[in-house]
Amino acid sequence: MRKHRAEARWDKGLKNGEGEVKSATGAFLAKYTFASRFGDSTSGTSPEELIGAAHSGCFSMFLSGLLEKESLTPEYIHTKAVVTLGELDGAPTITKIELNTEVKAEGLDDEKLQQLAQDAKKGCPVSKALNAVPEITLQATLL
């Protein structure tokens, strides 16, 4: 079992405050504000953006492992995630995650890609952790 650590600090009030999130390894440090989460500001990140990064990274690694079990080595897997922060029962809620992946792997056909991509969507640890999200979609494209 491996434990992964990250932390966040928030200063001041909700709308006029600011914070930062960072990993214990020092691999990332990012600022975030109310505006970067709920508004149009691109001056910082958001928890939802970080969830998208985690989900796309986990999905890509998991799919790579599934391809290797089929004796297929991907040249690359590029996955984008769009995380929608909406409202449910009057509270901010992640309402949808859209995964869009492109895979280049010699010997892989589209039917096998679709099957393995769905298996990765169901099986990657971050997908499992996000089971409360009402809708997670996947588009997989073979290059």
N, C-alpha and C. Protein backbone atom coordinates (compact mmCIF):
# COMPACT_ATOMS: atom_id res chain seq x y z
N MET A 1 0.85 -1.17 0.00
CA MET A 1 0.00 0.00 0.00
C MET A 1 0.90 1.24 0.00
N ARG A 2 0.57 2.18 -0.85
CA ARG A 2 1.31 3.43 -0.93
C ARG A 2 0.39 4.58 -0.63
N LYS A 3 0.81 5.46 0.23
CA LYS A 3 0.02 6.65 0.57
C LYS A 3 0.59 7.84 -0.21
N HIS A 4 -0.31 8.59 -0.82
CA HIS A 4 0.06 9.79 -1.58
C HIS A 4 -0.49 10.99 -0.84
N ARG A 5 0.31 12.02 -0.72
CA ARG A 5 -0.08 13.16 0.10
C ARG A 5 -0.11 14.46 -0.70
N ALA A 6 -1.06 15.27 -0.36
CA ALA A 6 -1.16 16.62 -0.89
C ALA A 6 -1.79 17.48 0.20
N GLU A 7 -1.70 18.78 0.03
CA GLU A 7 -2.29 19.66 1.03
C GLU A 7 -2.77 20.94 0.39
N ALA A 8 -3.62 21.63 1.11
CA ALA A 8 -4.16 22.91 0.64
C ALA A 8 -4.18 23.89 1.80
N ARG A 9 -4.01 25.15 1.45
CA ARG A 9 -4.15 26.24 2.42
C ARG A 9 -5.08 27.27 1.80
N TRP A 10 -6.00 27.78 2.60
CA TRP A 10 -6.91 28.83 2.17
C TRP A 10 -6.81 29.99 3.14
N ASP A 11 -6.62 31.20 2.63
CA ASP A 11 -6.52 32.40 3.46
C ASP A 11 -7.69 33.33 3.17
N LYS A 12 -8.28 33.86 4.22
CA LYS A 12 -9.35 34.86 4.18
C LYS A 12 -10.69 34.23 3.86
N GLY A 13 -11.62 35.07 3.40
CA GLY A 13 -12.99 34.63 3.15
C GLY A 13 -13.14 33.89 1.84
N LEU A 14 -14.34 33.37 1.62
CA LEU A 14 -14.61 32.56 0.43
C LEU A 14 -14.37 33.33 -0.86
N LYS A 15 -14.99 34.50 -1.01
CA LYS A 15 -14.92 35.21 -2.29
C LYS A 15 -13.70 36.12 -2.42
N ASN A 16 -13.14 36.59 -1.31
CA ASN A 16 -11.98 37.47 -1.42
C ASN A 16 -10.68 36.76 -1.04
N GLY A 17 -10.76 35.50 -0.72
CA GLY A 17 -9.58 34.77 -0.30
C GLY A 17 -8.84 34.14 -1.47
N GLU A 18 -7.79 33.44 -1.10
CA GLU A 18 -7.01 32.70 -2.08
C GLU A 18 -6.31 31.56 -1.37
N GLY A 19 -5.92 30.60 -2.15
CA GLY A 19 -5.26 29.45 -1.56
C GLY A 19 -4.24 28.86 -2.50
N GLU A 20 -3.63 27.80 -2.01
CA GLU A 20 -2.71 27.04 -2.85
C GLU A 20 -2.80 25.58 -2.47
N VAL A 21 -2.60 24.76 -3.47
CA VAL A 21 -2.55 23.31 -3.26
C VAL A 21 -1.16 22.86 -3.69
N LYS A 22 -0.66 21.84 -3.00
CA LYS A 22 0.65 21.33 -3.38
C LYS A 22 0.77 19.87 -3.00
N SER A 23 1.66 19.22 -3.71
CA SER A 23 1.93 17.82 -3.42
C SER A 23 3.09 17.74 -2.43
N ALA A 24 3.09 16.68 -1.66
CA ALA A 24 4.16 16.49 -0.69
C ALA A 24 5.51 16.27 -1.37
N THR A 25 5.49 15.74 -2.59
CA THR A 25 6.74 15.49 -3.31
C THR A 25 7.33 16.75 -3.91
N GLY A 26 6.53 17.81 -3.98
CA GLY A 26 6.99 19.04 -4.61
C GLY A 26 6.77 19.04 -6.12
N ALA A 27 6.10 18.03 -6.64
CA ALA A 27 5.87 17.93 -8.09
C ALA A 27 4.95 19.03 -8.59
N PHE A 28 4.05 19.50 -7.75
CA PHE A 28 3.21 20.61 -8.18
C PHE A 28 2.87 21.53 -7.02
N LEU A 29 2.66 22.79 -7.37
CA LEU A 29 2.22 23.84 -6.47
C LEU A 29 1.36 24.76 -7.32
N ALA A 30 0.12 24.96 -6.93
CA ALA A 30 -0.78 25.79 -7.73
C ALA A 30 -1.66 26.65 -6.84
N LYS A 31 -1.91 27.85 -7.30
CA LYS A 31 -2.80 28.77 -6.61
C LYS A 31 -4.23 28.57 -7.10
N TYR A 32 -5.20 28.90 -6.24
CA TYR A 32 -6.59 28.88 -6.64
C TYR A 32 -7.37 29.93 -5.87
N THR A 33 -8.45 30.40 -6.50
CA THR A 33 -9.29 31.44 -5.92
C THR A 33 -10.75 31.09 -6.19
N PHE A 34 -11.64 31.87 -5.61
CA PHE A 34 -13.06 31.71 -5.91
C PHE A 34 -13.29 31.91 -7.41
N ALA A 35 -12.64 32.93 -7.98
CA ALA A 35 -12.82 33.23 -9.40
C ALA A 35 -12.27 32.13 -10.30
N SER A 36 -11.17 31.49 -9.90
CA SER A 36 -10.63 30.41 -10.75
C SER A 36 -11.47 29.15 -10.65
N ARG A 37 -12.27 29.04 -9.61
CA ARG A 37 -13.13 27.87 -9.46
C ARG A 37 -14.53 28.11 -10.01
N PHE A 38 -15.13 29.24 -9.68
CA PHE A 38 -16.52 29.50 -10.05
C PHE A 38 -16.70 30.56 -11.13
N GLY A 39 -15.66 31.30 -11.43
CA GLY A 39 -15.76 32.39 -12.39
C GLY A 39 -15.00 32.11 -13.67
N ASP A 40 -14.59 33.18 -14.31
CA ASP A 40 -13.90 33.07 -15.59
C ASP A 40 -12.39 33.26 -15.47
N SER A 41 -11.88 33.41 -14.28
CA SER A 41 -10.45 33.66 -14.11
C SER A 41 -9.63 32.43 -14.49
N THR A 42 -8.56 32.68 -15.19
CA THR A 42 -7.62 31.60 -15.53
C THR A 42 -6.30 31.81 -14.79
N SER A 43 -6.36 32.59 -13.71
CA SER A 43 -5.14 32.90 -12.97
C SER A 43 -4.78 31.84 -11.94
N GLY A 44 -5.56 30.79 -11.87
CA GLY A 44 -5.27 29.72 -10.92
C GLY A 44 -5.98 28.45 -11.34
N THR A 45 -5.83 27.44 -10.55
CA THR A 45 -6.45 26.15 -10.82
C THR A 45 -7.74 26.04 -10.03
N SER A 46 -8.30 24.86 -9.99
CA SER A 46 -9.48 24.57 -9.18
C SER A 46 -9.41 23.11 -8.77
N PRO A 47 -10.09 22.74 -7.71
CA PRO A 47 -10.14 21.32 -7.35
C PRO A 47 -10.66 20.46 -8.50
N GLU A 48 -11.60 21.00 -9.28
CA GLU A 48 -12.16 20.23 -10.38
C GLU A 48 -11.13 20.02 -11.50
N GLU A 49 -10.32 21.03 -11.75
CA GLU A 49 -9.26 20.88 -12.75
C GLU A 49 -8.26 19.80 -12.30
N LEU A 50 -7.96 19.79 -11.01
CA LEU A 50 -7.04 18.78 -10.48
C LEU A 50 -7.66 17.39 -10.55
N ILE A 51 -8.97 17.30 -10.32
CA ILE A 51 -9.65 16.01 -10.48
C ILE A 51 -9.57 15.56 -11.93
N GLY A 52 -9.75 16.48 -12.87
CA GLY A 52 -9.63 16.14 -14.29
C GLY A 52 -8.24 15.63 -14.63
N ALA A 53 -7.22 16.27 -14.08
CA ALA A 53 -5.85 15.83 -14.33
C ALA A 53 -5.61 14.44 -13.74
N ALA A 54 -6.09 14.24 -12.53
CA ALA A 54 -5.93 12.93 -11.89
C ALA A 54 -6.68 11.85 -12.65
N HIS A 55 -7.90 12.15 -13.07
CA HIS A 55 -8.71 11.15 -13.77
C HIS A 55 -8.10 10.80 -15.13
N SER A 56 -7.70 11.81 -15.90
CA SER A 56 -7.13 11.53 -17.21
C SER A 56 -5.80 10.78 -17.09
N GLY A 57 -5.01 11.12 -16.08
CA GLY A 57 -3.74 10.42 -15.87
C GLY A 57 -3.94 8.97 -15.45
N CYS A 58 -4.84 8.75 -14.52
CA CYS A 58 -5.11 7.39 -14.04
C CYS A 58 -5.69 6.54 -15.16
N PHE A 59 -6.67 7.08 -15.88
CA PHE A 59 -7.30 6.37 -16.99
C PHE A 59 -6.25 5.97 -18.03
N SER A 60 -5.37 6.89 -18.41
CA SER A 60 -4.36 6.61 -19.44
C SER A 60 -3.42 5.50 -19.00
N MET A 61 -2.97 5.55 -17.75
CA MET A 61 -2.08 4.50 -17.25
C MET A 61 -2.79 3.15 -17.19
N PHE A 62 -4.03 3.15 -16.74
CA PHE A 62 -4.79 1.90 -16.63
C PHE A 62 -5.02 1.30 -18.02
N LEU A 63 -5.37 2.14 -18.98
CA LEU A 63 -5.58 1.66 -20.35
C LEU A 63 -4.28 1.10 -20.92
N SER A 64 -3.16 1.74 -20.65
CA SER A 64 -1.86 1.23 -21.10
C SER A 64 -1.62 -0.18 -20.56
N GLY A 65 -1.94 -0.38 -19.28
CA GLY A 65 -1.77 -1.70 -18.68
C GLY A 65 -2.68 -2.74 -19.33
N LEU A 66 -3.91 -2.36 -19.63
CA LEU A 66 -4.83 -3.29 -20.30
C LEU A 66 -4.35 -3.63 -21.71
N LEU A 67 -3.80 -2.65 -22.42
CA LEU A 67 -3.25 -2.91 -23.75
C LEU A 67 -2.07 -3.87 -23.66
N GLU A 68 -1.20 -3.67 -22.69
CA GLU A 68 -0.05 -4.55 -22.53
C GLU A 68 -0.46 -5.98 -22.22
N LYS A 69 -1.56 -6.17 -21.47
CA LYS A 69 -2.07 -7.52 -21.21
C LYS A 69 -2.52 -8.20 -22.49
N GLU A 70 -2.84 -7.39 -23.52
CA GLU A 70 -3.23 -7.91 -24.84
C GLU A 70 -2.03 -7.97 -25.78
N SER A 71 -0.83 -7.83 -25.22
CA SER A 71 0.43 -7.82 -25.98
C SER A 71 0.49 -6.67 -26.99
N LEU A 72 -0.11 -5.56 -26.63
CA LEU A 72 -0.08 -4.35 -27.45
C LEU A 72 0.61 -3.25 -26.65
N THR A 73 1.60 -2.61 -27.26
CA THR A 73 2.31 -1.53 -26.59
C THR A 73 1.91 -0.22 -27.25
N PRO A 74 1.23 0.66 -26.52
CA PRO A 74 0.83 1.92 -27.14
C PRO A 74 2.04 2.81 -27.40
N GLU A 75 2.01 3.48 -28.55
CA GLU A 75 3.01 4.52 -28.79
C GLU A 75 2.69 5.69 -27.87
N TYR A 76 1.38 6.01 -27.78
CA TYR A 76 0.94 6.99 -26.80
C TYR A 76 -0.56 6.90 -26.59
N ILE A 77 -0.95 7.41 -25.43
CA ILE A 77 -2.36 7.57 -25.06
C ILE A 77 -2.48 9.01 -24.57
N HIS A 78 -3.37 9.76 -25.20
CA HIS A 78 -3.57 11.16 -24.81
C HIS A 78 -5.02 11.32 -24.39
N THR A 79 -5.25 11.61 -23.13
CA THR A 79 -6.60 11.72 -22.61
C THR A 79 -6.84 13.11 -22.05
N LYS A 80 -7.95 13.70 -22.45
CA LYS A 80 -8.39 14.98 -21.92
C LYS A 80 -9.62 14.74 -21.08
N ALA A 81 -9.76 15.51 -20.02
CA ALA A 81 -10.94 15.42 -19.16
C ALA A 81 -11.56 16.80 -19.02
N VAL A 82 -12.88 16.84 -19.14
CA VAL A 82 -13.63 18.07 -18.88
C VAL A 82 -14.52 17.77 -17.68
N VAL A 83 -14.31 18.49 -16.60
CA VAL A 83 -15.07 18.30 -15.36
C VAL A 83 -16.05 19.47 -15.23
N THR A 84 -17.33 19.15 -15.20
CA THR A 84 -18.37 20.18 -15.10
C THR A 84 -18.79 20.36 -13.66
N LEU A 85 -18.64 21.58 -13.16
CA LEU A 85 -19.11 21.93 -11.82
C LEU A 85 -20.45 22.62 -11.99
N GLY A 86 -21.50 21.95 -11.59
CA GLY A 86 -22.85 22.51 -11.71
C GLY A 86 -23.48 22.62 -10.33
N GLU A 87 -24.78 22.53 -10.31
CA GLU A 87 -25.51 22.62 -9.06
C GLU A 87 -26.50 21.46 -8.98
N LEU A 88 -26.57 20.87 -7.81
CA LEU A 88 -27.51 19.78 -7.54
C LEU A 88 -28.07 20.00 -6.14
N ASP A 89 -29.37 20.05 -6.05
CA ASP A 89 -30.03 20.30 -4.76
C ASP A 89 -29.52 21.58 -4.10
N GLY A 90 -29.25 22.59 -4.92
CA GLY A 90 -28.83 23.89 -4.40
C GLY A 90 -27.39 23.99 -3.96
N ALA A 91 -26.59 22.96 -4.25
CA ALA A 91 -25.20 22.97 -3.81
C ALA A 91 -24.27 22.72 -5.00
N PRO A 92 -23.07 23.33 -4.99
CA PRO A 92 -22.11 23.05 -6.05
C PRO A 92 -21.80 21.55 -6.07
N THR A 93 -21.83 20.98 -7.28
CA THR A 93 -21.64 19.54 -7.43
C THR A 93 -20.96 19.25 -8.76
N ILE A 94 -20.05 18.31 -8.76
CA ILE A 94 -19.51 17.83 -10.04
C ILE A 94 -20.61 17.00 -10.67
N THR A 95 -21.13 17.48 -11.79
CA THR A 95 -22.28 16.83 -12.43
C THR A 95 -21.90 15.95 -13.60
N LYS A 96 -20.72 16.18 -14.17
CA LYS A 96 -20.34 15.41 -15.35
C LYS A 96 -18.84 15.45 -15.54
N ILE A 97 -18.28 14.34 -16.01
CA ILE A 97 -16.89 14.28 -16.45
C ILE A 97 -16.89 13.66 -17.83
N GLU A 98 -16.24 14.36 -18.76
CA GLU A 98 -16.12 13.87 -20.12
C GLU A 98 -14.66 13.49 -20.36
N LEU A 99 -14.43 12.21 -20.65
CA LEU A 99 -13.10 11.75 -21.01
C LEU A 99 -13.03 11.59 -22.52
N ASN A 100 -11.97 12.11 -23.11
CA ASN A 100 -11.76 11.98 -24.54
C ASN A 100 -10.33 11.50 -24.72
N THR A 101 -10.17 10.28 -25.24
CA THR A 101 -8.83 9.71 -25.35
C THR A 101 -8.50 9.38 -26.80
N GLU A 102 -7.25 9.59 -27.15
CA GLU A 102 -6.72 9.20 -28.45
C GLU A 102 -5.58 8.22 -28.20
N VAL A 103 -5.61 7.12 -28.94
CA VAL A 103 -4.63 6.06 -28.73
C VAL A 103 -3.97 5.71 -30.04
N LYS A 104 -2.66 5.62 -30.01
CA LYS A 104 -1.90 5.13 -31.16
C LYS A 104 -1.15 3.89 -30.70
N ALA A 105 -1.50 2.76 -31.30
CA ALA A 105 -0.85 1.50 -30.95
C ALA A 105 -0.92 0.57 -32.15
N GLU A 106 0.22 0.13 -32.58
CA GLU A 106 0.27 -0.79 -33.73
C GLU A 106 -0.43 -2.10 -33.37
N GLY A 107 -1.28 -2.57 -34.29
CA GLY A 107 -1.97 -3.83 -34.10
C GLY A 107 -3.29 -3.72 -33.36
N LEU A 108 -3.63 -2.53 -32.89
CA LEU A 108 -4.88 -2.32 -32.17
C LEU A 108 -5.99 -1.96 -33.16
N ASP A 109 -7.14 -2.63 -33.03
CA ASP A 109 -8.28 -2.25 -33.86
C ASP A 109 -9.30 -1.50 -33.01
N ASP A 110 -10.23 -0.83 -33.68
CA ASP A 110 -11.18 0.03 -32.97
C ASP A 110 -12.06 -0.75 -32.02
N GLU A 111 -12.50 -1.92 -32.40
CA GLU A 111 -13.37 -2.72 -31.52
C GLU A 111 -12.68 -3.05 -30.20
N LYS A 112 -11.43 -3.47 -30.29
CA LYS A 112 -10.66 -3.79 -29.08
C LYS A 112 -10.41 -2.53 -28.25
N LEU A 113 -10.12 -1.41 -28.92
CA LEU A 113 -9.92 -0.15 -28.20
C LEU A 113 -11.16 0.23 -27.42
N GLN A 114 -12.32 0.15 -28.05
CA GLN A 114 -13.57 0.53 -27.37
C GLN A 114 -13.80 -0.33 -26.13
N GLN A 115 -13.56 -1.62 -26.26
CA GLN A 115 -13.74 -2.54 -25.13
C GLN A 115 -12.77 -2.21 -23.99
N LEU A 116 -11.49 -2.06 -24.33
CA LEU A 116 -10.48 -1.80 -23.31
C LEU A 116 -10.65 -0.41 -22.68
N ALA A 117 -11.07 0.56 -23.48
CA ALA A 117 -11.29 1.90 -22.95
C ALA A 117 -12.44 1.89 -21.93
N GLN A 118 -13.51 1.17 -22.23
CA GLN A 118 -14.61 1.05 -21.27
C GLN A 118 -14.14 0.33 -20.00
N ASP A 119 -13.32 -0.71 -20.17
CA ASP A 119 -12.78 -1.42 -19.01
C ASP A 119 -11.90 -0.50 -18.16
N ALA A 120 -11.12 0.36 -18.82
CA ALA A 120 -10.27 1.31 -18.08
C ALA A 120 -11.12 2.34 -17.36
N LYS A 121 -12.19 2.78 -18.00
CA LYS A 121 -13.09 3.76 -17.37
C LYS A 121 -13.70 3.18 -16.10
N LYS A 122 -14.06 1.92 -16.14
CA LYS A 122 -14.66 1.27 -14.97
C LYS A 122 -13.62 0.89 -13.92
N GLY A 123 -12.41 0.56 -14.37
CA GLY A 123 -11.45 -0.05 -13.47
C GLY A 123 -10.40 0.83 -12.87
N CYS A 124 -10.13 2.00 -13.45
CA CYS A 124 -9.04 2.80 -12.88
C CYS A 124 -9.45 3.31 -11.50
N PRO A 125 -8.51 3.36 -10.57
CA PRO A 125 -8.83 3.74 -9.20
C PRO A 125 -9.52 5.10 -9.06
N VAL A 126 -9.15 6.07 -9.88
CA VAL A 126 -9.79 7.38 -9.78
C VAL A 126 -11.23 7.30 -10.26
N SER A 127 -11.49 6.54 -11.33
CA SER A 127 -12.88 6.34 -11.77
C SER A 127 -13.71 5.75 -10.64
N LYS A 128 -13.16 4.76 -9.98
CA LYS A 128 -13.88 4.13 -8.86
C LYS A 128 -14.17 5.15 -7.75
N ALA A 129 -13.20 6.01 -7.48
CA ALA A 129 -13.38 7.02 -6.43
C ALA A 129 -14.43 8.06 -6.83
N LEU A 130 -14.67 8.20 -8.12
CA LEU A 130 -15.60 9.22 -8.61
C LEU A 130 -16.98 8.65 -8.93
N ASN A 131 -17.31 7.52 -8.37
CA ASN A 131 -18.60 6.88 -8.63
C ASN A 131 -19.81 7.75 -8.30
N ALA A 132 -19.63 8.75 -7.46
CA ALA A 132 -20.76 9.62 -7.09
C ALA A 132 -21.10 10.63 -8.19
N VAL A 133 -20.23 10.79 -9.18
CA VAL A 133 -20.50 11.73 -10.27
C VAL A 133 -21.64 11.15 -11.11
N PRO A 134 -22.72 11.92 -11.33
CA PRO A 134 -23.88 11.38 -12.03
C PRO A 134 -23.61 10.89 -13.45
N GLU A 135 -22.67 11.53 -14.16
CA GLU A 135 -22.43 11.13 -15.55
C GLU A 135 -20.95 11.22 -15.87
N ILE A 136 -20.39 10.12 -16.35
CA ILE A 136 -19.02 10.10 -16.86
C ILE A 136 -19.09 9.51 -18.26
N THR A 137 -18.70 10.29 -19.24
CA THR A 137 -18.74 9.83 -20.62
C THR A 137 -17.32 9.56 -21.12
N LEU A 138 -17.24 8.77 -22.18
CA LEU A 138 -15.95 8.42 -22.75
C LEU A 138 -16.06 8.37 -24.26
N GLN A 139 -15.11 9.03 -24.91
CA GLN A 139 -14.94 8.92 -26.36
C GLN A 139 -13.53 8.45 -26.59
N ALA A 140 -13.37 7.32 -27.27
CA ALA A 140 -12.06 6.78 -27.55
C ALA A 140 -11.85 6.76 -29.06
N THR A 141 -10.70 7.30 -29.49
CA THR A 141 -10.38 7.39 -30.92
C THR A 141 -9.06 6.69 -31.17
N LEU A 142 -9.06 5.82 -32.16
CA LEU A 142 -7.84 5.12 -32.58
C LEU A 142 -7.16 5.95 -33.65
N LEU A 143 -5.90 6.20 -33.47
CA LEU A 143 -5.13 6.98 -34.45
C LEU A 143 -4.27 6.06 -35.29
